[in-house]
Amino acid sequence: MPPNLGFNNYGVNFNPINSNRIDLGLNTAAALDLTGFNVFTIEAMINSRVANDGVWRNVLHLGNYEVILRKTATGFLQIFFSDGVERSTLQDVLLTTDTPIHVAGVYTGTELSLWINCVKQSTPLAIASNVRNNPQRDYVGTEAALTNFWDGLIYWVRVYRGSYLNESQLLYNMLNYHNPIRTNLVLWLTLEEGSGLTTQDISGYGFNGAFQPAATPPTWVKTEKWALRAKVGL
Protein backbone atom coordinates (compact mmCIF):
# COMPACT_ATOMS: atom_id res chain seq x y z
CA MET A 1 0.00 0.00 0.00
CA PRO A 2 1.50 3.38 -0.95
CA PRO A 3 2.45 5.79 1.86
CA ASN A 4 -0.18 8.37 1.00
CA LEU A 5 -2.86 5.81 1.78
CA GLY A 6 -1.72 5.67 5.38
CA PHE A 7 0.59 2.66 5.69
CA ASN A 8 2.79 3.11 8.76
CA ASN A 9 1.69 6.69 9.38
CA TYR A 10 1.31 8.32 12.78
CA GLY A 11 -1.11 9.26 15.49
CA VAL A 12 -0.25 11.48 18.46
CA ASN A 13 -0.27 10.23 22.05
CA PHE A 14 -1.51 12.79 24.61
CA ASN A 15 -0.48 12.19 28.22
CA PRO A 16 -2.43 14.35 30.71
CA ILE A 17 0.30 13.88 33.33
CA ASN A 18 2.53 15.94 31.03
CA SER A 19 -0.23 18.46 30.19
CA ASN A 20 0.15 17.52 26.51
CA ARG A 21 -1.62 19.73 23.98
CA ILE A 22 -1.37 21.41 20.59
CA ASP A 23 -1.58 25.21 20.61
CA LEU A 24 -3.23 26.54 17.45
CA GLY A 25 -2.92 30.20 18.47
CA LEU A 26 -5.37 33.06 18.88
CA ASN A 27 -7.39 33.09 15.66
CA THR A 28 -9.94 35.89 15.97
CA ALA A 29 -11.24 37.18 12.62
CA ALA A 30 -9.53 34.25 10.88
CA ALA A 31 -10.98 31.31 9.00
CA LEU A 32 -10.81 29.11 12.11
CA ASP A 33 -12.92 31.61 14.08
CA LEU A 34 -16.48 30.24 14.12
CA THR A 35 -17.91 33.37 15.79
CA GLY A 36 -21.23 34.30 14.23
CA PHE A 37 -21.51 31.08 12.24
CA ASN A 38 -24.37 28.62 12.54
CA VAL A 39 -23.08 25.92 10.18
CA PHE A 40 -19.98 23.85 10.87
CA THR A 41 -18.52 20.36 11.16
CA ILE A 42 -15.82 19.24 13.62
CA GLU A 43 -14.32 15.88 12.77
CA ALA A 44 -11.61 13.68 14.31
CA MET A 45 -10.30 10.16 14.68
CA ILE A 46 -9.56 9.44 18.33
CA ASN A 47 -8.70 6.69 20.81
CA SER A 48 -9.34 7.32 24.51
CA ARG A 49 -7.70 5.47 27.37
CA VAL A 50 -10.43 6.56 29.80
CA ALA A 51 -14.21 6.94 29.89
CA ASN A 52 -16.09 7.54 33.14
CA ASP A 53 -13.09 8.97 35.03
CA GLY A 54 -14.72 12.11 36.43
CA VAL A 55 -12.76 14.45 34.14
CA TRP A 56 -13.90 16.43 31.10
CA ARG A 57 -11.31 15.88 28.33
CA ASN A 58 -11.00 17.99 25.18
CA VAL A 59 -10.32 16.76 21.67
CA LEU A 60 -10.67 20.25 20.14
CA HIS A 61 -11.52 23.49 21.93
CA LEU A 62 -12.10 26.65 19.86
CA GLY A 63 -12.15 30.02 21.62
CA ASN A 64 -13.25 30.27 25.24
CA TYR A 65 -16.07 27.75 25.28
CA GLU A 66 -17.19 28.73 21.79
CA VAL A 67 -17.10 25.28 20.11
CA ILE A 68 -15.84 22.07 21.73
CA LEU A 69 -15.51 18.40 20.82
CA ARG A 70 -14.83 16.50 24.03
CA LYS A 71 -15.44 13.62 26.40
CA THR A 72 -17.67 14.34 29.39
CA ALA A 73 -16.72 13.53 32.97
CA THR A 74 -19.22 10.66 32.86
CA GLY A 75 -17.69 9.10 29.75
CA PHE A 76 -19.70 10.23 26.72
CA LEU A 77 -18.42 12.05 23.65
CA GLN A 78 -20.07 15.44 23.18
CA ILE A 79 -20.29 18.27 20.66
CA PHE A 80 -20.83 21.66 22.29
CA PHE A 81 -21.21 25.27 21.24
CA SER A 82 -22.31 28.42 23.02
CA ASP A 83 -24.52 31.23 21.77
CA GLY A 84 -24.55 32.66 25.29
CA VAL A 85 -26.30 29.49 26.42
CA GLU A 86 -24.54 26.11 26.45
CA ARG A 87 -25.82 23.91 23.60
CA SER A 88 -24.73 20.28 23.35
CA THR A 89 -25.60 16.72 22.48
CA LEU A 90 -24.08 13.39 23.52
CA GLN A 91 -23.33 9.97 22.12
CA ASP A 92 -25.89 7.26 22.89
CA VAL A 93 -23.70 4.87 24.87
CA LEU A 94 -20.65 5.06 27.09
CA LEU A 95 -17.38 5.70 25.26
CA THR A 96 -15.43 2.54 24.43
CA THR A 97 -11.83 2.88 25.54
CA ASP A 98 -8.67 1.77 23.74
CA THR A 99 -10.56 1.68 20.45
CA PRO A 100 -10.24 3.96 17.38
CA ILE A 101 -13.40 6.03 16.96
CA HIS A 102 -14.43 8.39 14.18
CA VAL A 103 -16.38 11.25 15.75
CA ALA A 104 -18.03 14.28 14.17
CA GLY A 105 -20.06 17.16 15.51
CA VAL A 106 -22.35 18.68 12.88
CA TYR A 107 -24.37 21.89 13.09
CA THR A 108 -26.72 22.50 10.16
CA GLY A 109 -28.07 25.82 11.40
CA THR A 110 -31.19 24.17 12.77
CA GLU A 111 -29.82 21.00 14.38
CA LEU A 112 -26.72 20.05 16.36
CA SER A 113 -25.84 16.37 16.06
CA LEU A 114 -23.09 13.95 17.04
CA TRP A 115 -21.94 11.14 14.78
CA ILE A 116 -20.00 8.09 15.98
CA ASN A 117 -18.38 5.97 13.27
CA CYS A 118 -20.69 7.69 10.77
CA VAL A 119 -23.83 6.81 12.74
CA LYS A 120 -25.98 9.73 13.86
CA GLN A 121 -26.70 9.57 17.57
CA SER A 122 -30.31 9.52 18.66
CA THR A 123 -30.62 12.81 20.57
CA PRO A 124 -29.78 15.72 18.23
CA LEU A 125 -30.53 19.20 19.51
CA ALA A 126 -32.96 21.39 17.57
CA ILE A 127 -31.48 24.89 17.74
CA ALA A 128 -31.20 27.86 15.38
CA SER A 129 -28.56 30.22 16.65
CA ASN A 130 -24.99 31.47 16.08
CA VAL A 131 -21.70 30.79 17.86
CA ARG A 132 -20.97 33.56 20.37
CA ASN A 133 -17.90 35.77 20.32
CA ASN A 134 -15.69 34.79 23.28
CA PRO A 135 -12.13 34.72 21.91
CA GLN A 136 -9.25 32.76 23.36
CA ARG A 137 -6.49 30.51 22.03
CA ASP A 138 -7.54 27.36 20.15
CA TYR A 139 -6.25 23.99 21.31
CA VAL A 140 -6.19 20.31 20.47
CA GLY A 141 -6.12 18.17 23.61
CA THR A 142 -7.00 20.86 26.17
CA GLU A 143 -8.68 24.26 26.60
CA ALA A 144 -7.59 27.85 27.21
CA ALA A 145 -7.37 27.32 30.98
CA LEU A 146 -4.92 24.45 30.31
CA THR A 147 -7.06 21.89 32.12
CA ASN A 148 -9.14 18.88 31.03
CA PHE A 149 -6.35 17.30 28.97
CA TRP A 150 -7.03 14.50 26.49
CA ASP A 151 -5.83 11.05 27.59
CA GLY A 152 -5.14 8.86 24.57
CA LEU A 153 -4.46 9.10 20.85
CA ILE A 154 -5.68 11.59 18.26
CA TYR A 155 -5.03 10.53 14.65
CA TRP A 156 -6.31 13.59 12.77
CA VAL A 157 -8.55 16.64 13.21
CA ARG A 158 -10.61 18.68 10.72
CA VAL A 159 -12.86 21.74 10.90
CA TYR A 160 -15.35 22.89 8.24
CA ARG A 161 -16.76 26.41 8.54
CA GLY A 162 -19.86 27.49 6.65
CA SER A 163 -20.93 24.01 5.55
CA TYR A 164 -21.91 20.75 7.18
CA LEU A 165 -21.18 17.17 6.16
CA ASN A 166 -24.05 14.73 5.70
CA GLU A 167 -23.90 10.98 6.31
CA SER A 168 -22.46 10.06 2.92
CA GLN A 169 -19.85 12.83 3.14
CA LEU A 170 -18.77 11.75 6.62
CA LEU A 171 -18.45 8.20 5.36
CA TYR A 172 -16.39 9.41 2.41
CA ASN A 173 -14.08 11.35 4.73
CA MET A 174 -13.73 8.34 7.01
CA LEU A 175 -12.74 6.10 4.12
CA ASN A 176 -10.59 8.74 2.42
CA TYR A 177 -8.79 10.28 5.38
CA HIS A 178 -5.85 11.11 3.08
CA ASN A 179 -8.10 12.97 0.60
CA PRO A 180 -11.12 14.49 2.39
CA ILE A 181 -13.73 16.88 1.04
CA ARG A 182 -12.04 20.25 0.64
CA THR A 183 -14.97 22.69 0.37
CA ASN A 184 -14.96 25.01 3.41
CA LEU A 185 -12.23 22.96 5.09
CA VAL A 186 -10.40 25.46 7.33
CA LEU A 187 -8.30 23.13 9.50
CA TRP A 188 -6.77 19.77 8.64
CA LEU A 189 -4.17 18.36 11.00
CA THR A 190 -2.95 15.00 9.69
CA LEU A 191 -0.59 14.60 12.67
CA GLU A 192 1.85 12.60 10.57
CA GLU A 193 5.12 14.51 10.98
CA GLY A 194 6.63 11.86 13.24
CA SER A 195 9.07 14.19 15.02
CA GLY A 196 9.57 17.80 16.06
CA LEU A 197 7.42 20.31 17.92
CA THR A 198 5.16 21.52 15.08
CA THR A 199 2.27 19.95 13.21
CA GLN A 200 1.15 21.34 9.85
CA ASP A 201 -2.33 22.44 8.91
CA ILE A 202 -2.67 21.35 5.29
CA SER A 203 -6.11 22.90 4.72
CA GLY A 204 -4.36 25.80 3.02
CA TYR A 205 -5.06 28.25 5.86
CA GLY A 206 -1.84 27.64 7.76
CA PHE A 207 -3.14 27.10 11.30
CA ASN A 208 -0.05 25.13 12.24
CA GLY A 209 0.07 23.81 15.78
CA ALA A 210 2.80 23.87 18.42
CA PHE A 211 3.26 20.74 20.53
CA GLN A 212 3.43 21.66 24.21
CA PRO A 213 5.00 21.68 26.68
CA ALA A 214 8.25 21.76 24.75
CA ALA A 215 10.11 19.80 27.43
CA THR A 216 7.63 16.90 27.45
CA PRO A 217 5.52 17.19 24.27
CA PRO A 218 3.00 14.68 22.95
CA THR A 219 4.63 11.74 21.20
CA TRP A 220 4.00 10.27 17.78
CA VAL A 221 2.93 6.65 17.62
CA LYS A 222 3.18 4.56 14.44
CA THR A 223 -0.25 3.51 13.19
CA GLU A 224 -1.60 1.87 10.07
CA LYS A 225 -4.32 4.39 9.34
CA TRP A 226 -5.76 2.29 6.56
CA ALA A 227 -6.53 -0.33 9.22
CA LEU A 228 -8.47 2.10 11.43
CA ARG A 229 -11.41 1.93 9.05
CA ALA A 230 -11.75 -1.81 9.65
CA LYS A 231 -11.48 -1.32 13.40
CA VAL A 232 -14.53 0.96 13.43
CA GLY A 233 -16.43 -1.42 11.17
CA LEU A 234 -16.16 0.46 7.88
C-alpha atoms as a PDB file:
ATOM      1  CA  MET A   1       0.000   0.000   0.000  1.00  0.00           C
ATOM      2  CA  PRO A   2       1.505   3.383  -0.951  1.00  0.00           C
ATOM      3  CA  PRO A   3       2.453   5.789   1.862  1.00  0.00           C
ATOM      4  CA  ASN A   4      -0.179   8.373   0.999  1.00  0.00           C
ATOM      5  CA  LEU A   5      -2.863   5.806   1.781  1.00  0.00           C
ATOM      6  CA  GLY A   6      -1.720   5.673   5.377  1.00  0.00           C
ATOM      7  CA  PHE A   7       0.588   2.664   5.691  1.00  0.00           C
ATOM      8  CA  ASN A   8       2.792   3.109   8.761  1.00  0.00           C
ATOM      9  CA  ASN A   9       1.693   6.694   9.382  1.00  0.00           C
ATOM     10  CA  TYR A  10       1.312   8.315  12.781  1.00  0.00           C
ATOM     11  CA  GLY A  11      -1.105   9.256  15.490  1.00  0.00           C
ATOM     12  CA  VAL A  12      -0.254  11.477  18.464  1.00  0.00           C
ATOM     13  CA  ASN A  13      -0.272  10.235  22.046  1.00  0.00           C
ATOM     14  CA  PHE A  14      -1.511  12.792  24.609  1.00  0.00           C
ATOM     15  CA  ASN A  15      -0.481  12.194  28.218  1.00  0.00           C
ATOM     16  CA  PRO A  16      -2.434  14.345  30.714  1.00  0.00           C
ATOM     17  CA  ILE A  17       0.304  13.882  33.331  1.00  0.00           C
ATOM     18  CA  ASN A  18       2.533  15.942  31.025  1.00  0.00           C
ATOM     19  CA  SER A  19      -0.229  18.465  30.190  1.00  0.00           C
ATOM     20  CA  ASN A  20       0.152  17.519  26.512  1.00  0.00           C
ATOM     21  CA  ARG A  21      -1.619  19.725  23.981  1.00  0.00           C
ATOM     22  CA  ILE A  22      -1.367  21.406  20.586  1.00  0.00           C
ATOM     23  CA  ASP A  23      -1.582  25.208  20.610  1.00  0.00           C
ATOM     24  CA  LEU A  24      -3.232  26.543  17.446  1.00  0.00           C
ATOM     25  CA  GLY A  25      -2.923  30.196  18.471  1.00  0.00           C
ATOM     26  CA  LEU A  26      -5.367  33.056  18.876  1.00  0.00           C
ATOM     27  CA  ASN A  27      -7.387  33.095  15.661  1.00  0.00           C
ATOM     28  CA  THR A  28      -9.941  35.891  15.965  1.00  0.00           C
ATOM     29  CA  ALA A  29     -11.241  37.182  12.623  1.00  0.00           C
ATOM     30  CA  ALA A  30      -9.527  34.250  10.884  1.00  0.00           C
ATOM     31  CA  ALA A  31     -10.980  31.306   8.996  1.00  0.00           C
ATOM     32  CA  LEU A  32     -10.810  29.111  12.105  1.00  0.00           C
ATOM     33  CA  ASP A  33     -12.923  31.613  14.078  1.00  0.00           C
ATOM     34  CA  LEU A  34     -16.478  30.239  14.121  1.00  0.00           C
ATOM     35  CA  THR A  35     -17.908  33.375  15.790  1.00  0.00           C
ATOM     36  CA  GLY A  36     -21.234  34.301  14.234  1.00  0.00           C
ATOM     37  CA  PHE A  37     -21.510  31.081  12.236  1.00  0.00           C
ATOM     38  CA  ASN A  38     -24.366  28.622  12.538  1.00  0.00           C
ATOM     39  CA  VAL A  39     -23.078  25.924  10.176  1.00  0.00           C
ATOM     40  CA  PHE A  40     -19.985  23.848  10.871  1.00  0.00           C
ATOM     41  CA  THR A  41     -18.516  20.363  11.165  1.00  0.00           C
ATOM     42  CA  ILE A  42     -15.825  19.242  13.621  1.00  0.00           C
ATOM     43  CA  GLU A  43     -14.320  15.875  12.767  1.00  0.00           C
ATOM     44  CA  ALA A  44     -11.608  13.681  14.312  1.00  0.00           C
ATOM     45  CA  MET A  45     -10.296  10.158  14.679  1.00  0.00           C
ATOM     46  CA  ILE A  46      -9.563   9.439  18.334  1.00  0.00           C
ATOM     47  CA  ASN A  47      -8.700   6.687  20.812  1.00  0.00           C
ATOM     48  CA  SER A  48      -9.338   7.320  24.507  1.00  0.00           C
ATOM     49  CA  ARG A  49      -7.700   5.473  27.368  1.00  0.00           C
ATOM     50  CA  VAL A  50     -10.431   6.559  29.804  1.00  0.00           C
ATOM     51  CA  ALA A  51     -14.206   6.943  29.893  1.00  0.00           C
ATOM     52  CA  ASN A  52     -16.086   7.539  33.140  1.00  0.00           C
ATOM     53  CA  ASP A  53     -13.089   8.972  35.027  1.00  0.00           C
ATOM     54  CA  GLY A  54     -14.722  12.112  36.425  1.00  0.00           C
ATOM     55  CA  VAL A  55     -12.762  14.452  34.144  1.00  0.00           C
ATOM     56  CA  TRP A  56     -13.900  16.426  31.098  1.00  0.00           C
ATOM     57  CA  ARG A  57     -11.307  15.878  28.329  1.00  0.00           C
ATOM     58  CA  ASN A  58     -11.005  17.991  25.185  1.00  0.00           C
ATOM     59  CA  VAL A  59     -10.323  16.763  21.675  1.00  0.00           C
ATOM     60  CA  LEU A  60     -10.670  20.247  20.139  1.00  0.00           C
ATOM     61  CA  HIS A  61     -11.522  23.493  21.934  1.00  0.00           C
ATOM     62  CA  LEU A  62     -12.098  26.652  19.865  1.00  0.00           C
ATOM     63  CA  GLY A  63     -12.154  30.018  21.618  1.00  0.00           C
ATOM     64  CA  ASN A  64     -13.247  30.271  25.236  1.00  0.00           C
ATOM     65  CA  TYR A  65     -16.066  27.750  25.285  1.00  0.00           C
ATOM     66  CA  GLU A  66     -17.191  28.727  21.786  1.00  0.00           C
ATOM     67  CA  VAL A  67     -17.097  25.281  20.110  1.00  0.00           C
ATOM     68  CA  ILE A  68     -15.841  22.072  21.729  1.00  0.00           C
ATOM     69  CA  LEU A  69     -15.512  18.404  20.816  1.00  0.00           C
ATOM     70  CA  ARG A  70     -14.832  16.500  24.032  1.00  0.00           C
ATOM     71  CA  LYS A  71     -15.440  13.619  26.399  1.00  0.00           C
ATOM     72  CA  THR A  72     -17.666  14.342  29.391  1.00  0.00           C
ATOM     73  CA  ALA A  73     -16.721  13.534  32.974  1.00  0.00           C
ATOM     74  CA  THR A  74     -19.216  10.662  32.861  1.00  0.00           C
ATOM     75  CA  GLY A  75     -17.692   9.101  29.750  1.00  0.00           C
ATOM     76  CA  PHE A  76     -19.700  10.229  26.719  1.00  0.00           C
ATOM     77  CA  LEU A  77     -18.418  12.052  23.654  1.00  0.00           C
ATOM     78  CA  GLN A  78     -20.071  15.435  23.183  1.00  0.00           C
ATOM     79  CA  ILE A  79     -20.292  18.275  20.665  1.00  0.00           C
ATOM     80  CA  PHE A  80     -20.833  21.663  22.290  1.00  0.00           C
ATOM     81  CA  PHE A  81     -21.208  25.273  21.240  1.00  0.00           C
ATOM     82  CA  SER A  82     -22.312  28.418  23.022  1.00  0.00           C
ATOM     83  CA  ASP A  83     -24.516  31.234  21.772  1.00  0.00           C
ATOM     84  CA  GLY A  84     -24.545  32.662  25.287  1.00  0.00           C
ATOM     85  CA  VAL A  85     -26.297  29.486  26.422  1.00  0.00           C
ATOM     86  CA  GLU A  86     -24.541  26.107  26.445  1.00  0.00           C
ATOM     87  CA  ARG A  87     -25.817  23.907  23.604  1.00  0.00           C
ATOM     88  CA  SER A  88     -24.726  20.280  23.349  1.00  0.00           C
ATOM     89  CA  THR A  89     -25.605  16.720  22.478  1.00  0.00           C
ATOM     90  CA  LEU A  90     -24.080  13.386  23.516  1.00  0.00           C
ATOM     91  CA  GLN A  91     -23.330   9.971  22.121  1.00  0.00           C
ATOM     92  CA  ASP A  92     -25.886   7.257  22.886  1.00  0.00           C
ATOM     93  CA  VAL A  93     -23.698   4.865  24.874  1.00  0.00           C
ATOM     94  CA  LEU A  94     -20.646   5.058  27.092  1.00  0.00           C
ATOM     95  CA  LEU A  95     -17.380   5.704  25.256  1.00  0.00           C
ATOM     96  CA  THR A  96     -15.431   2.540  24.427  1.00  0.00           C
ATOM     97  CA  THR A  97     -11.831   2.879  25.543  1.00  0.00           C
ATOM     98  CA  ASP A  98      -8.669   1.765  23.739  1.00  0.00           C
ATOM     99  CA  THR A  99     -10.556   1.685  20.447  1.00  0.00           C
ATOM    100  CA  PRO A 100     -10.243   3.958  17.380  1.00  0.00           C
ATOM    101  CA  ILE A 101     -13.401   6.034  16.958  1.00  0.00           C
ATOM    102  CA  HIS A 102     -14.428   8.386  14.179  1.00  0.00           C
ATOM    103  CA  VAL A 103     -16.381  11.246  15.754  1.00  0.00           C
ATOM    104  CA  ALA A 104     -18.028  14.280  14.169  1.00  0.00           C
ATOM    105  CA  GLY A 105     -20.057  17.159  15.511  1.00  0.00           C
ATOM    106  CA  VAL A 106     -22.351  18.683  12.885  1.00  0.00           C
ATOM    107  CA  TYR A 107     -24.372  21.885  13.086  1.00  0.00           C
ATOM    108  CA  THR A 108     -26.717  22.497  10.162  1.00  0.00           C
ATOM    109  CA  GLY A 109     -28.065  25.825  11.396  1.00  0.00           C
ATOM    110  CA  THR A 110     -31.193  24.169  12.771  1.00  0.00           C
ATOM    111  CA  GLU A 111     -29.821  20.996  14.376  1.00  0.00           C
ATOM    112  CA  LEU A 112     -26.718  20.047  16.356  1.00  0.00           C
ATOM    113  CA  SER A 113     -25.843  16.368  16.065  1.00  0.00           C
ATOM    114  CA  LEU A 114     -23.094  13.953  17.045  1.00  0.00           C
ATOM    115  CA  TRP A 115     -21.944  11.137  14.775  1.00  0.00           C
ATOM    116  CA  ILE A 116     -19.998   8.093  15.976  1.00  0.00           C
ATOM    117  CA  ASN A 117     -18.375   5.970  13.265  1.00  0.00           C
ATOM    118  CA  CYS A 118     -20.694   7.690  10.765  1.00  0.00           C
ATOM    119  CA  VAL A 119     -23.830   6.806  12.744  1.00  0.00           C
ATOM    120  CA  LYS A 120     -25.979   9.731  13.855  1.00  0.00           C
ATOM    121  CA  GLN A 121     -26.699   9.572  17.567  1.00  0.00           C
ATOM    122  CA  SER A 122     -30.308   9.522  18.665  1.00  0.00           C
ATOM    123  CA  THR A 123     -30.623  12.809  20.567  1.00  0.00           C
ATOM    124  CA  PRO A 124     -29.781  15.722  18.233  1.00  0.00           C
ATOM    125  CA  LEU A 125     -30.531  19.200  19.514  1.00  0.00           C
ATOM    126  CA  ALA A 126     -32.961  21.386  17.575  1.00  0.00           C
ATOM    127  CA  ILE A 127     -31.483  24.888  17.738  1.00  0.00           C
ATOM    128  CA  ALA A 128     -31.205  27.858  15.385  1.00  0.00           C
ATOM    129  CA  SER A 129     -28.555  30.216  16.654  1.00  0.00           C
ATOM    130  CA  ASN A 130     -24.986  31.472  16.080  1.00  0.00           C
ATOM    131  CA  VAL A 131     -21.695  30.790  17.859  1.00  0.00           C
ATOM    132  CA  ARG A 132     -20.973  33.560  20.373  1.00  0.00           C
ATOM    133  CA  ASN A 133     -17.897  35.766  20.321  1.00  0.00           C
ATOM    134  CA  ASN A 134     -15.694  34.795  23.277  1.00  0.00           C
ATOM    135  CA  PRO A 135     -12.131  34.719  21.910  1.00  0.00           C
ATOM    136  CA  GLN A 136      -9.252  32.760  23.359  1.00  0.00           C
ATOM    137  CA  ARG A 137      -6.485  30.513  22.029  1.00  0.00           C
ATOM    138  CA  ASP A 138      -7.541  27.364  20.154  1.00  0.00           C
ATOM    139  CA  TYR A 139      -6.247  23.989  21.314  1.00  0.00           C
ATOM    140  CA  VAL A 140      -6.191  20.312  20.473  1.00  0.00           C
ATOM    141  CA  GLY A 141      -6.124  18.166  23.610  1.00  0.00           C
ATOM    142  CA  THR A 142      -7.001  20.859  26.171  1.00  0.00           C
ATOM    143  CA  GLU A 143      -8.680  24.262  26.600  1.00  0.00           C
ATOM    144  CA  ALA A 144      -7.595  27.850  27.209  1.00  0.00           C
ATOM    145  CA  ALA A 145      -7.367  27.321  30.975  1.00  0.00           C
ATOM    146  CA  LEU A 146      -4.920  24.446  30.313  1.00  0.00           C
ATOM    147  CA  THR A 147      -7.062  21.890  32.116  1.00  0.00           C
ATOM    148  CA  ASN A 148      -9.136  18.882  31.029  1.00  0.00           C
ATOM    149  CA  PHE A 149      -6.355  17.300  28.969  1.00  0.00           C
ATOM    150  CA  TRP A 150      -7.034  14.505  26.492  1.00  0.00           C
ATOM    151  CA  ASP A 151      -5.833  11.054  27.590  1.00  0.00           C
ATOM    152  CA  GLY A 152      -5.138   8.861  24.570  1.00  0.00           C
ATOM    153  CA  LEU A 153      -4.456   9.102  20.853  1.00  0.00           C
ATOM    154  CA  ILE A 154      -5.678  11.588  18.260  1.00  0.00           C
ATOM    155  CA  TYR A 155      -5.026  10.529  14.651  1.00  0.00           C
ATOM    156  CA  TRP A 156      -6.311  13.587  12.773  1.00  0.00           C
ATOM    157  CA  VAL A 157      -8.553  16.641  13.205  1.00  0.00           C
ATOM    158  CA  ARG A 158     -10.609  18.679  10.718  1.00  0.00           C
ATOM    159  CA  VAL A 159     -12.859  21.741  10.896  1.00  0.00           C
ATOM    160  CA  TYR A 160     -15.347  22.893   8.237  1.00  0.00           C
ATOM    161  CA  ARG A 161     -16.765  26.413   8.544  1.00  0.00           C
ATOM    162  CA  GLY A 162     -19.858  27.491   6.653  1.00  0.00           C
ATOM    163  CA  SER A 163     -20.926  24.012   5.548  1.00  0.00           C
ATOM    164  CA  TYR A 164     -21.907  20.747   7.181  1.00  0.00           C
ATOM    165  CA  LEU A 165     -21.179  17.174   6.156  1.00  0.00           C
ATOM    166  CA  ASN A 166     -24.051  14.732   5.698  1.00  0.00           C
ATOM    167  CA  GLU A 167     -23.902  10.981   6.309  1.00  0.00           C
ATOM    168  CA  SER A 168     -22.459  10.058   2.923  1.00  0.00           C
ATOM    169  CA  GLN A 169     -19.853  12.828   3.137  1.00  0.00           C
ATOM    170  CA  LEU A 170     -18.771  11.752   6.617  1.00  0.00           C
ATOM    171  CA  LEU A 171     -18.447   8.203   5.360  1.00  0.00           C
ATOM    172  CA  TYR A 172     -16.391   9.410   2.405  1.00  0.00           C
ATOM    173  CA  ASN A 173     -14.082  11.347   4.733  1.00  0.00           C
ATOM    174  CA  MET A 174     -13.729   8.344   7.013  1.00  0.00           C
ATOM    175  CA  LEU A 175     -12.743   6.099   4.117  1.00  0.00           C
ATOM    176  CA  ASN A 176     -10.590   8.738   2.418  1.00  0.00           C
ATOM    177  CA  TYR A 177      -8.795  10.278   5.384  1.00  0.00           C
ATOM    178  CA  HIS A 178      -5.853  11.113   3.081  1.00  0.00           C
ATOM    179  CA  ASN A 179      -8.104  12.968   0.603  1.00  0.00           C
ATOM    180  CA  PRO A 180     -11.123  14.487   2.387  1.00  0.00           C
ATOM    181  CA  ILE A 181     -13.734  16.879   1.036  1.00  0.00           C
ATOM    182  CA  ARG A 182     -12.039  20.255   0.641  1.00  0.00           C
ATOM    183  CA  THR A 183     -14.975  22.686   0.369  1.00  0.00           C
ATOM    184  CA  ASN A 184     -14.959  25.008   3.407  1.00  0.00           C
ATOM    185  CA  LEU A 185     -12.228  22.957   5.086  1.00  0.00           C
ATOM    186  CA  VAL A 186     -10.405  25.460   7.327  1.00  0.00           C
ATOM    187  CA  LEU A 187      -8.303  23.131   9.500  1.00  0.00           C
ATOM    188  CA  TRP A 188      -6.766  19.766   8.641  1.00  0.00           C
ATOM    189  CA  LEU A 189      -4.172  18.361  10.995  1.00  0.00           C
ATOM    190  CA  THR A 190      -2.954  15.001   9.691  1.00  0.00           C
ATOM    191  CA  LEU A 191      -0.587  14.597  12.673  1.00  0.00           C
ATOM    192  CA  GLU A 192       1.850  12.599  10.573  1.00  0.00           C
ATOM    193  CA  GLU A 193       5.116  14.514  10.984  1.00  0.00           C
ATOM    194  CA  GLY A 194       6.625  11.863  13.242  1.00  0.00           C
ATOM    195  CA  SER A 195       9.072  14.192  15.024  1.00  0.00           C
ATOM    196  CA  GLY A 196       9.571  17.797  16.060  1.00  0.00           C
ATOM    197  CA  LEU A 197       7.421  20.313  17.922  1.00  0.00           C
ATOM    198  CA  THR A 198       5.160  21.515  15.083  1.00  0.00           C
ATOM    199  CA  THR A 199       2.269  19.951  13.207  1.00  0.00           C
ATOM    200  CA  GLN A 200       1.148  21.339   9.851  1.00  0.00           C
ATOM    201  CA  ASP A 201      -2.334  22.440   8.912  1.00  0.00           C
ATOM    202  CA  ILE A 202      -2.671  21.347   5.292  1.00  0.00           C
ATOM    203  CA  SER A 203      -6.111  22.899   4.722  1.00  0.00           C
ATOM    204  CA  GLY A 204      -4.362  25.799   3.021  1.00  0.00           C
ATOM    205  CA  TYR A 205      -5.061  28.247   5.859  1.00  0.00           C
ATOM    206  CA  GLY A 206      -1.842  27.637   7.764  1.00  0.00           C
ATOM    207  CA  PHE A 207      -3.139  27.102  11.300  1.00  0.00           C
ATOM    208  CA  ASN A 208      -0.051  25.133  12.238  1.00  0.00           C
ATOM    209  CA  GLY A 209       0.069  23.807  15.780  1.00  0.00           C
ATOM    210  CA  ALA A 210       2.804  23.868  18.422  1.00  0.00           C
ATOM    211  CA  PHE A 211       3.261  20.743  20.527  1.00  0.00           C
ATOM    212  CA  GLN A 212       3.425  21.660  24.211  1.00  0.00           C
ATOM    213  CA  PRO A 213       5.002  21.684  26.685  1.00  0.00           C
ATOM    214  CA  ALA A 214       8.253  21.760  24.747  1.00  0.00           C
ATOM    215  CA  ALA A 215      10.112  19.804  27.431  1.00  0.00           C
ATOM    216  CA  THR A 216       7.625  16.899  27.453  1.00  0.00           C
ATOM    217  CA  PRO A 217       5.522  17.194  24.269  1.00  0.00           C
ATOM    218  CA  PRO A 218       3.003  14.680  22.955  1.00  0.00           C
ATOM    219  CA  THR A 219       4.632  11.744  21.203  1.00  0.00           C
ATOM    220  CA  TRP A 220       4.001  10.268  17.776  1.00  0.00           C
ATOM    221  CA  VAL A 221       2.927   6.651  17.618  1.00  0.00           C
ATOM    222  CA  LYS A 222       3.182   4.564  14.441  1.00  0.00           C
ATOM    223  CA  THR A 223      -0.248   3.506  13.193  1.00  0.00           C
ATOM    224  CA  GLU A 224      -1.596   1.873  10.074  1.00  0.00           C
ATOM    225  CA  LYS A 225      -4.325   4.389   9.344  1.00  0.00           C
ATOM    226  CA  TRP A 226      -5.765   2.288   6.564  1.00  0.00           C
ATOM    227  CA  ALA A 227      -6.534  -0.331   9.222  1.00  0.00           C
ATOM    228  CA  LEU A 228      -8.467   2.097  11.430  1.00  0.00           C
ATOM    229  CA  ARG A 229     -11.412   1.926   9.048  1.00  0.00           C
ATOM    230  CA  ALA A 230     -11.750  -1.809   9.649  1.00  0.00           C
ATOM    231  CA  LYS A 231     -11.482  -1.321  13.401  1.00  0.00           C
ATOM    232  CA  VAL A 232     -14.533   0.960  13.428  1.00  0.00           C
ATOM    233  CA  GLY A 233     -16.435  -1.422  11.171  1.00  0.00           C
ATOM    234  CA  LEU A 234     -16.165   0.461   7.879  1.00  0.00           C
END
